[in-house]
PDB file of N, CA and C in Angstrom:
ATOM      1  N   MET A   1     -39.223  54.842-207.479  1.00  0.00           N
ATOM      2  CA  MET A   1     -38.210  55.650-206.541  1.00  0.00           C
ATOM      3  C   MET A   1     -39.403  56.596-205.638  1.00  0.00           C
ATOM      4  N   SER A   2     -39.068  56.714-204.370  1.00  0.00           N
ATOM      5  CA  SER A   2     -39.927  57.401-203.606  1.00  0.00           C
ATOM      6  C   SER A   2     -39.143  58.900-203.602  1.00  0.00           C
ATOM      7  N   THR A   3     -40.031  60.074-203.429  1.00  0.00           N
ATOM      8  CA  THR A   3     -38.987  61.279-203.290  1.00  0.00           C
ATOM      9  C   THR A   3     -39.583  61.728-201.968  1.00  0.00           C
ATOM     10  N   THR A   4     -38.944  62.088-201.152  1.00  0.00           N
ATOM     11  CA  THR A   4     -39.174  62.857-199.984  1.00  0.00           C
ATOM     12  C   THR A   4     -39.101  64.087-199.939  1.00  0.00           C
ATOM     13  N   THR A   5     -40.245  65.007-199.330  1.00  0.00           N
ATOM     14  CA  THR A   5     -40.591  66.369-199.355  1.00  0.00           C
ATOM     15  C   THR A   5     -39.920  67.129-198.033  1.00  0.00           C
ATOM     16  N   ARG A   6     -39.224  67.688-198.184  1.00  0.00           N
ATOM     17  CA  ARG A   6     -38.976  68.568-196.786  1.00  0.00           C
ATOM     18  C   ARG A   6     -39.752  69.573-196.287  1.00  0.00           C
ATOM     19  N   ASN A   7     -39.905  69.389-195.024  1.00  0.00           N
ATOM     20  CA  ASN A   7     -40.861  70.638-194.595  1.00  0.00           C
ATOM     21  C   ASN A   7     -39.880  71.658-194.031  1.00  0.00           C
ATOM     22  N   GLU A   8     -39.608  72.422-194.916  1.00  0.00           N
ATOM     23  CA  GLU A   8     -38.995  73.373-194.383  1.00  0.00           C
ATOM     24  C   GLU A   8     -39.429  74.075-193.478  1.00  0.00           C
ATOM     25  N   THR A   9     -40.603  74.211-192.957  1.00  0.00           N
ATOM     26  CA  THR A   9     -40.957  75.036-191.682  1.00  0.00           C
ATOM     27  C   THR A   9     -40.494  74.083-190.587  1.00  0.00           C
ATOM     28  N   ARG A  10     -40.920  72.996-190.488  1.00  0.00           N
ATOM     29  CA  ARG A  10     -40.571  72.028-189.478  1.00  0.00           C
ATOM     30  C   ARG A  10     -39.142  71.930-189.251  1.00  0.00           C
ATOM     31  N   THR A  11     -38.333  71.807-190.260  1.00  0.00           N
ATOM     32  CA  THR A  11     -36.833  71.631-190.500  1.00  0.00           C
ATOM     33  C   THR A  11     -36.287  73.071-189.483  1.00  0.00           C
ATOM     34  N   GLY A  12     -36.689  74.255-190.258  1.00  0.00           N
ATOM     35  CA  GLY A  12     -36.094  75.644-189.288  1.00  0.00           C
ATOM     36  C   GLY A  12     -36.613  75.746-187.847  1.00  0.00           C
ATOM     37  N   ALA A  13     -37.773  75.087-187.632  1.00  0.00           N
ATOM     38  CA  ALA A  13     -38.526  75.204-186.187  1.00  0.00           C
ATOM     39  C   ALA A  13     -37.390  74.486-185.448  1.00  0.00           C
ATOM     40  N   PHE A  14     -36.771  72.874-186.052  1.00  0.00           N
ATOM     41  CA  PHE A  14     -36.080  72.144-185.479  1.00  0.00           C
ATOM     42  C   PHE A  14     -34.552  72.684-185.215  1.00  0.00           C
ATOM     43  N   GLU A  15     -34.476  73.373-186.040  1.00  0.00           N
ATOM     44  CA  GLU A  15     -32.610  74.038-185.952  1.00  0.00           C
ATOM     45  C   GLU A  15     -32.891  75.051-185.252  1.00  0.00           C
ATOM     46  N   ASP A  16     -33.908  75.777-184.927  1.00  0.00           N
ATOM     47  CA  ASP A  16     -33.874  76.661-184.129  1.00  0.00           C
ATOM     48  C   ASP A  16     -33.832  76.318-182.587  1.00  0.00           C
ATOM     49  N   ARG A  17     -35.027  75.464-182.468  1.00  0.00           N
ATOM     50  CA  ARG A  17     -34.817  74.816-180.876  1.00  0.00           C
ATOM     51  C   ARG A  17     -33.684  73.850-180.498  1.00  0.00           C
ATOM     52  N   LEU A  18     -32.729  73.762-181.828  1.00  0.00           N
ATOM     53  CA  LEU A  18     -31.280  72.870-181.176  1.00  0.00           C
ATOM     54  C   LEU A  18     -30.599  73.916-181.126  1.00  0.00           C
ATOM     55  N   VAL A  19     -30.450  74.974-181.688  1.00  0.00           N
ATOM     56  CA  VAL A  19     -29.665  76.038-181.460  1.00  0.00           C
ATOM     57  C   VAL A  19     -29.829  76.741-179.939  1.00  0.00           C
ATOM     58  N   GLU A  20     -31.431  76.810-179.411  1.00  0.00           N
ATOM     59  CA  GLU A  20     -31.324  77.033-178.169  1.00  0.00           C
ATOM     60  C   GLU A  20     -31.072  76.344-176.929  1.00  0.00           C
ATOM     61  N   VAL A  21     -31.467  75.126-177.257  1.00  0.00           N
ATOM     62  CA  VAL A  21     -30.759  74.177-176.557  1.00  0.00           C
ATOM     63  C   VAL A  21     -29.572  73.983-176.187  1.00  0.00           C
ATOM     64  N   LEU A  22     -28.608  74.202-177.009  1.00  0.00           N
ATOM     65  CA  LEU A  22     -26.931  74.351-177.145  1.00  0.00           C
ATOM     66  C   LEU A  22     -26.361  75.292-176.330  1.00  0.00           C
ATOM     67  N   ASN A  23     -27.258  76.393-176.844  1.00  0.00           N
ATOM     68  CA  ASN A  23     -26.911  77.774-176.183  1.00  0.00           C
ATOM     69  C   ASN A  23     -27.283  77.849-174.526  1.00  0.00           C
ATOM     70  N   ALA A  24     -28.256  77.215-174.017  1.00  0.00           N
ATOM     71  CA  ALA A  24     -28.693  76.854-172.467  1.00  0.00           C
ATOM     72  C   ALA A  24     -27.685  76.124-172.165  1.00  0.00           C
ATOM     73  N   GLY A  25     -27.190  75.168-172.361  1.00  0.00           N
ATOM     74  CA  GLY A  25     -26.173  74.215-172.117  1.00  0.00           C
ATOM     75  C   GLY A  25     -24.851  74.986-171.878  1.00  0.00           C
ATOM     76  N   ALA A  26     -24.620  75.910-173.241  1.00  0.00           N
ATOM     77  CA  ALA A  26     -23.264  76.234-172.433  1.00  0.00           C
ATOM     78  C   ALA A  26     -23.467  77.474-171.429  1.00  0.00           C
ATOM     79  N   PHE A  27     -24.618  77.727-171.478  1.00  0.00           N
ATOM     80  CA  PHE A  27     -24.867  79.118-170.324  1.00  0.00           C
ATOM     81  C   PHE A  27     -24.814  78.479-169.133  1.00  0.00           C
ATOM     82  N   ALA A  28     -25.342  77.031-168.781  1.00  0.00           N
ATOM     83  CA  ALA A  28     -25.098  76.510-167.636  1.00  0.00           C
ATOM     84  C   ALA A  28     -23.587  76.273-167.523  1.00  0.00           C
ATOM     85  N   LEU A  29     -22.921  76.076-168.013  1.00  0.00           N
ATOM     86  CA  LEU A  29     -21.412  75.992-168.325  1.00  0.00           C
ATOM     87  C   LEU A  29     -21.058  77.240-167.643  1.00  0.00           C
ATOM     88  N   VAL A  30     -21.436  78.362-168.009  1.00  0.00           N
ATOM     89  CA  VAL A  30     -20.750  79.475-167.611  1.00  0.00           C
ATOM     90  C   VAL A  30     -21.229  79.760-166.204  1.00  0.00           C
ATOM     91  N   ILE A  31     -22.322  79.322-165.690  1.00  0.00           N
ATOM     92  CA  ILE A  31     -23.031  79.560-164.798  1.00  0.00           C
ATOM     93  C   ILE A  31     -22.334  78.935-163.635  1.00  0.00           C
ATOM     94  N   SER A  32     -22.119  77.704-164.011  1.00  0.00           N
ATOM     95  CA  SER A  32     -21.022  76.867-163.087  1.00  0.00           C
ATOM     96  C   SER A  32     -19.808  77.220-162.729  1.00  0.00           C
ATOM     97  N   ILE A  33     -19.228  77.956-163.864  1.00  0.00           N
ATOM     98  CA  ILE A  33     -17.628  77.909-163.670  1.00  0.00           C
ATOM     99  C   ILE A  33     -17.711  79.458-162.873  1.00  0.00           C
ATOM    100  N   GLY A  34     -18.929  80.541-162.928  1.00  0.00           N
ATOM    101  CA  GLY A  34     -18.922  81.663-162.436  1.00  0.00           C
ATOM    102  C   GLY A  34     -19.101  81.504-160.693  1.00  0.00           C
ATOM    103  N   HIS A  35     -20.087  80.218-160.599  1.00  0.00           N
ATOM    104  CA  HIS A  35     -20.185  80.084-159.075  1.00  0.00           C
ATOM    105  C   HIS A  35     -19.116  79.505-158.598  1.00  0.00           C
ATOM    106  N   ARG A  36     -18.518  78.379-159.377  1.00  0.00           N
ATOM    107  CA  ARG A  36     -16.984  77.503-158.667  1.00  0.00           C
ATOM    108  C   ARG A  36     -15.942  78.442-158.190  1.00  0.00           C
ATOM    109  N   THR A  37     -15.983  79.593-159.051  1.00  0.00           N
ATOM    110  CA  THR A  37     -14.700  80.379-159.309  1.00  0.00           C
ATOM    111  C   THR A  37     -14.674  81.373-158.147  1.00  0.00           C
ATOM    112  N   GLY A  38     -16.052  81.658-157.810  1.00  0.00           N
ATOM    113  CA  GLY A  38     -16.267  82.874-156.433  1.00  0.00           C
ATOM    114  C   GLY A  38     -16.671  84.287-157.644  1.00  0.00           C
ATOM    115  N   LEU A  39     -16.798  84.377-158.684  1.00  0.00           N
ATOM    116  CA  LEU A  39     -17.085  85.556-159.494  1.00  0.00           C
ATOM    117  C   LEU A  39     -18.302  86.069-159.171  1.00  0.00           C
ATOM    118  N   PHE A  40     -19.193  85.428-159.281  1.00  0.00           N
ATOM    119  CA  PHE A  40     -21.061  85.813-158.787  1.00  0.00           C
ATOM    120  C   PHE A  40     -20.744  86.148-157.224  1.00  0.00           C
ATOM    121  N   ASP A  41     -20.082  85.798-156.519  1.00  0.00           N
ATOM    122  CA  ASP A  41     -19.839  86.308-155.220  1.00  0.00           C
ATOM    123  C   ASP A  41     -19.393  87.682-155.297  1.00  0.00           C
ATOM    124  N   ALA A  42     -18.462  87.875-155.781  1.00  0.00           N
ATOM    125  CA  ALA A  42     -17.661  89.497-156.320  1.00  0.00           C
ATOM    126  C   ALA A  42     -18.411  90.236-156.615  1.00  0.00           C
ATOM    127  N   MET A  43     -19.284  89.891-157.719  1.00  0.00           N
ATOM    128  CA  MET A  43     -20.101  90.270-158.649  1.00  0.00           C
ATOM    129  C   MET A  43     -21.064  90.950-157.697  1.00  0.00           C
ATOM    130  N   ALA A  44     -21.653  90.170-156.715  1.00  0.00           N
ATOM    131  CA  ALA A  44     -23.038  90.512-156.007  1.00  0.00           C
ATOM    132  C   ALA A  44     -22.765  91.829-155.331  1.00  0.00           C
ATOM    133  N   THR A  45     -21.833  92.025-154.747  1.00  0.00           N
ATOM    134  CA  THR A  45     -21.484  93.153-153.670  1.00  0.00           C
ATOM    135  C   THR A  45     -20.961  94.441-154.556  1.00  0.00           C
ATOM    136  N   MET A  46     -21.026  94.412-155.998  1.00  0.00           N
ATOM    137  CA  MET A  46     -20.732  95.599-156.710  1.00  0.00           C
ATOM    138  C   MET A  46     -21.935  95.979-157.482  1.00  0.00           C
ATOM    139  N   SER A  47     -21.633  97.760-157.705  1.00  0.00           N
ATOM    140  CA  SER A  47     -22.431  98.008-158.975  1.00  0.00           C
ATOM    141  C   SER A  47     -22.021  97.478-160.440  1.00  0.00           C
ATOM    142  N   PRO A  48     -22.585  97.838-161.349  1.00  0.00           N
ATOM    143  CA  PRO A  48     -22.033  97.323-162.886  1.00  0.00           C
ATOM    144  C   PRO A  48     -20.476  97.759-162.864  1.00  0.00           C
ATOM    145  N   SER A  49     -19.938  96.910-163.290  1.00  0.00           N
ATOM    146  CA  SER A  49     -18.320  97.542-163.761  1.00  0.00           C
ATOM    147  C   SER A  49     -17.826  97.046-164.643  1.00  0.00           C
ATOM    148  N   SER A  50     -16.640  97.591-165.163  1.00  0.00           N
ATOM    149  CA  SER A  50     -16.037  96.730-166.271  1.00  0.00           C
ATOM    150  C   SER A  50     -15.347  95.660-165.704  1.00  0.00           C
ATOM    151  N   SER A  51     -14.898  94.601-166.588  1.00  0.00           N
ATOM    152  CA  SER A  51     -14.488  93.368-166.299  1.00  0.00           C
ATOM    153  C   SER A  51     -13.224  93.475-165.866  1.00  0.00           C
ATOM    154  N   ALA A  52     -12.433  94.212-166.010  1.00  0.00           N
ATOM    155  CA  ALA A  52     -11.040  94.829-165.147  1.00  0.00           C
ATOM    156  C   ALA A  52     -11.337  95.081-163.721  1.00  0.00           C
ATOM    157  N   GLU A  53     -12.445  95.707-163.373  1.00  0.00           N
ATOM    158  CA  GLU A  53     -12.715  96.073-162.075  1.00  0.00           C
ATOM    159  C   GLU A  53     -13.420  94.760-161.453  1.00  0.00           C
ATOM    160  N   ILE A  54     -14.221  93.768-162.126  1.00  0.00           N
ATOM    161  CA  ILE A  54     -14.713  92.432-161.653  1.00  0.00           C
ATOM    162  C   ILE A  54     -13.418  91.565-161.317  1.00  0.00           C
ATOM    163  N   ALA A  55     -12.434  91.607-162.072  1.00  0.00           N
ATOM    164  CA  ALA A  55     -11.519  90.648-161.935  1.00  0.00           C
ATOM    165  C   ALA A  55     -10.925  91.048-160.746  1.00  0.00           C
ATOM    166  N   GLU A  56     -10.555  92.498-160.586  1.00  0.00           N
ATOM    167  CA  GLU A  56      -9.448  92.919-159.399  1.00  0.00           C
ATOM    168  C   GLU A  56     -10.369  92.726-157.944  1.00  0.00           C
ATOM    169  N   GLU A  57     -11.685  92.681-158.241  1.00  0.00           N
ATOM    170  CA  GLU A  57     -12.782  92.326-156.966  1.00  0.00           C
ATOM    171  C   GLU A  57     -12.349  90.794-156.622  1.00  0.00           C
ATOM    172  N   ALA A  58     -12.495  89.795-157.687  1.00  0.00           N
ATOM    173  CA  ALA A  58     -12.350  88.354-158.046  1.00  0.00           C
ATOM    174  C   ALA A  58     -11.176  87.789-157.624  1.00  0.00           C
ATOM    175  N   ALA A  59     -10.235  88.778-157.518  1.00  0.00           N
ATOM    176  CA  ALA A  59      -8.736  88.055-157.630  1.00  0.00           C
ATOM    177  C   ALA A  59      -8.398  87.065-158.601  1.00  0.00           C
ATOM    178  N   MET A  60      -8.895  87.744-160.001  1.00  0.00           N
ATOM    179  CA  MET A  60      -9.101  86.833-161.254  1.00  0.00           C
ATOM    180  C   MET A  60      -8.307  87.552-162.291  1.00  0.00           C
ATOM    181  N   HIS A  61      -7.928  86.948-163.135  1.00  0.00           N
ATOM    182  CA  HIS A  61      -7.481  87.548-164.164  1.00  0.00           C
ATOM    183  C   HIS A  61      -8.528  88.412-165.467  1.00  0.00           C
ATOM    184  N   ASP A  62      -8.267  89.734-165.781  1.00  0.00           N
ATOM    185  CA  ASP A  62      -9.338  90.485-166.452  1.00  0.00           C
ATOM    186  C   ASP A  62      -9.811  89.416-167.643  1.00  0.00           C
ATOM    187  N   ARG A  63      -8.765  88.810-168.268  1.00  0.00           N
ATOM    188  CA  ARG A  63      -9.198  88.138-169.485  1.00  0.00           C
ATOM    189  C   ARG A  63     -10.091  87.014-169.461  1.00  0.00           C
ATOM    190  N   TYR A  64      -9.856  86.313-168.194  1.00  0.00           N
ATOM    191  CA  TYR A  64     -10.766  85.060-167.973  1.00  0.00           C
ATOM    192  C   TYR A  64     -12.083  85.715-167.559  1.00  0.00           C
ATOM    193  N   VAL A  65     -12.225  86.688-166.949  1.00  0.00           N
ATOM    194  CA  VAL A  65     -13.584  87.382-166.325  1.00  0.00           C
ATOM    195  C   VAL A  65     -14.291  87.593-167.420  1.00  0.00           C
ATOM    196  N   CYS A  66     -13.814  88.419-168.475  1.00  0.00           N
ATOM    197  CA  CYS A  66     -14.346  88.812-169.294  1.00  0.00           C
ATOM    198  C   CYS A  66     -14.573  87.952-170.615  1.00  0.00           C
ATOM    199  N   GLU A  67     -13.931  87.176-171.066  1.00  0.00           N
ATOM    200  CA  GLU A  67     -13.774  86.341-172.325  1.00  0.00           C
ATOM    201  C   GLU A  67     -14.549  84.878-171.570  1.00  0.00           C
ATOM    202  N   LYS A  68     -14.937  84.507-170.694  1.00  0.00           N
ATOM    203  CA  LYS A  68     -15.367  83.179-170.241  1.00  0.00           C
ATOM    204  C   LYS A  68     -16.715  83.517-169.531  1.00  0.00           C
ATOM    205  N   THR A  69     -16.507  84.272-168.676  1.00  0.00           N
ATOM    206  CA  THR A  69     -18.109  84.343-168.083  1.00  0.00           C
ATOM    207  C   THR A  69     -18.595  85.860-167.753  1.00  0.00           C
ATOM    208  N   VAL A  70     -18.228  86.780-167.947  1.00  0.00           N
ATOM    209  CA  VAL A  70     -19.010  88.004-168.039  1.00  0.00           C
ATOM    210  C   VAL A  70     -19.463  88.852-169.287  1.00  0.00           C
ATOM    211  N   ALA A  71     -18.547  88.929-170.016  1.00  0.00           N
ATOM    212  CA  ALA A  71     -19.060  89.586-171.355  1.00  0.00           C
ATOM    213  C   ALA A  71     -20.236  89.021-172.088  1.00  0.00           C
ATOM    214  N   ARG A  72     -20.011  87.610-172.231  1.00  0.00           N
ATOM    215  CA  ARG A  72     -21.294  87.367-173.158  1.00  0.00           C
ATOM    216  C   ARG A  72     -22.585  87.280-172.062  1.00  0.00           C
ATOM    217  N   PRO A  73     -22.525  86.264-171.250  1.00  0.00           N
ATOM    218  CA  PRO A  73     -24.104  86.147-170.548  1.00  0.00           C
ATOM    219  C   PRO A  73     -24.627  87.211-169.629  1.00  0.00           C
ATOM    220  N   CYS A  74     -23.407  87.733-168.816  1.00  0.00           N
ATOM    221  CA  CYS A  74     -23.872  88.955-167.864  1.00  0.00           C
ATOM    222  C   CYS A  74     -23.580  90.433-168.263  1.00  0.00           C
ATOM    223  N   SER A  75     -23.418  90.745-169.543  1.00  0.00           N
ATOM    224  CA  SER A  75     -23.213  91.923-169.878  1.00  0.00           C
ATOM    225  C   SER A  75     -24.036  93.028-169.312  1.00  0.00           C
ATOM    226  N   ARG A  76     -25.326  92.465-168.921  1.00  0.00           N
ATOM    227  CA  ARG A  76     -25.806  93.769-168.313  1.00  0.00           C
ATOM    228  C   ARG A  76     -25.337  94.082-166.796  1.00  0.00           C
ATOM    229  N   ARG A  77     -24.319  93.544-166.218  1.00  0.00           N
ATOM    230  CA  ARG A  77     -23.980  93.532-165.190  1.00  0.00           C
ATOM    231  C   ARG A  77     -22.354  94.499-165.407  1.00  0.00           C
ATOM    232  N   CYS A  78     -22.226  94.392-166.634  1.00  0.00           N
ATOM    233  CA  CYS A  78     -20.718  95.055-166.869  1.00  0.00           C
ATOM    234  C   CYS A  78     -21.075  96.425-167.753  1.00  0.00           C
ATOM    235  N   ALA A  79     -20.177  97.450-167.173  1.00  0.00           N
ATOM    236  CA  ALA A  79     -20.250  98.794-167.963  1.00  0.00           C
ATOM    237  C   ALA A  79     -19.801  98.822-169.472  1.00  0.00           C
ATOM    238  N   ASN A  80     -18.525  97.938-169.087  1.00  0.00           N
ATOM    239  CA  ASN A  80     -17.698  97.994-170.341  1.00  0.00           C
ATOM    240  C   ASN A  80     -17.632  96.354-170.867  1.00  0.00           C
ATOM    241  N   THR A  81     -18.384  95.823-171.916  1.00  0.00           N
ATOM    242  CA  THR A  81     -17.944  94.694-172.026  1.00  0.00           C
ATOM    243  C   THR A  81     -16.855  94.280-173.125  1.00  0.00           C
ATOM    244  N   SER A  82     -16.245  95.177-173.419  1.00  0.00           N
ATOM    245  CA  SER A  82     -15.077  95.029-174.700  1.00  0.00           C
ATOM    246  C   SER A  82     -13.953  94.378-173.742  1.00  0.00           C
ATOM    247  N   CYS A  83     -13.263  93.349-174.544  1.00  0.00           N
ATOM    248  CA  CYS A  83     -11.978  92.535-173.654  1.00  0.00           C
ATOM    249  C   CYS A  83     -11.021  93.281-174.294  1.00  0.00           C
ATOM    250  N   PRO A  84     -10.531  94.555-173.768  1.00  0.00           N
ATOM    251  CA  PRO A  84      -9.039  94.904-174.512  1.00  0.00           C
ATOM    252  C   PRO A  84      -7.867  94.017-174.145  1.00  0.00           C
ATOM    253  N   SER A  85      -7.999  93.484-173.171  1.00  0.00           N
ATOM    254  CA  SER A  85      -6.789  92.621-172.832  1.00  0.00           C
ATOM    255  C   SER A  85      -6.598  90.994-173.750  1.00  0.00           C
ATOM    256  N   SER A  86      -7.770  91.176-174.430  1.00  0.00           N
ATOM    257  CA  SER A  86      -7.831  89.707-175.097  1.00  0.00           C
ATOM    258  C   SER A  86      -6.973  89.746-176.645  1.00  0.00           C
ATOM    259  N   PRO A  87      -6.120  88.661-176.630  1.00  0.00           N
ATOM    260  CA  PRO A  87      -5.591  88.836-178.219  1.00  0.00           C
ATOM    261  C   PRO A  87      -6.529  88.616-179.186  1.00  0.00           C
ATOM    262  N   ALA A  88      -5.922  89.493-180.556  1.00  0.00           N
ATOM    263  CA  ALA A  88      -6.795  89.437-181.700  1.00  0.00           C
ATOM    264  C   ALA A  88      -7.005  87.860-182.122  1.00  0.00           C
TER     265      ALA A  88
END
């Protein structure tokens, strides 16, 4: 019976890279959504603002701006990244 030895260093490196790839893919989708909805066009003319202010400028609901596009990947553009209008 043969025994396979796991290389923990290589396994960890693979797991880390896989997470990076998945995060990059999710980020690409978020960028696409922001572009297609005109959110980034609205943000381009604003100084750092709350998600509510960005939502008002983009004529979108604050919840979607905060949760789906602004709060996570673009948090440096938001003064307040909490989502008070989100359900718990």
